[in-house]
Amino acid sequence: MPLLKGALHVHTTLSDGQLTPQQAAAQYARLGFDFVALTDHDYLLRPNHAQSLQVKTNGLLVLPGVEITLHERGYVHVNRITGSHEVLHIFNHPAEYDLEFHDLLRVLEAVAQKYPIDAVEVSSKGFYTPEYDNPRIPYPKVASDDSHTAGGCGRAWIEVESERDADAIIRAIKNGAARPCFR
């Protein structure tokens, strides 16, 4: 299996990012990524956003997604990334919620009642947050850069041995086969 490099948390002009979906895809392709998930905020999504996700790339696989806002002891975010048949749910940037670790575990448990959490980010804006790379969090760990600008692209990513197919990548992440990486 090839080793693929991917971004799982990217914002564009479809919500509060500075790059269009096409520009974001091109930036990640230039950085040597194999796949990218465009995950704009649910409450900021522009009308007809789905048509804007049809970007042309030179081999970069673009996965559609959305960053869902949930209210659980304040607000938290979960990315939902879709393949043809598979769906991936990632609990995003736990370091940004200002929760004690035991409270975070309770929030994760409550969120998992609403969405099947498949992975948890161990990054915040692309920087490693080691306190969440903890076996007490019972989910595979991933990294992302949560990019909103060109300068934010490529700070963190995952590497996964997988076929170059959205469903295969999602299954590999769910099975804990993704490795978090940081620049």
Foldseek 3Di string as FASTA:
>chain_A
DDKFWEAEAEEDPQFQFPHQLQRLQALVVVVVGQEYEHAEEPVGGDPPVVVSNPYDDDRYHYWYWYWYWDADVHIWTWIWTDFPPDIAIEGEDPVVPPDDPVVVLVSVVVVCVVPVHQEYEQDDLLHGNVVVVDVVNPHAYEHHNNHRYSVSPPQKIWIAPFDSGPVGVRVCRSVNRIDIDGD
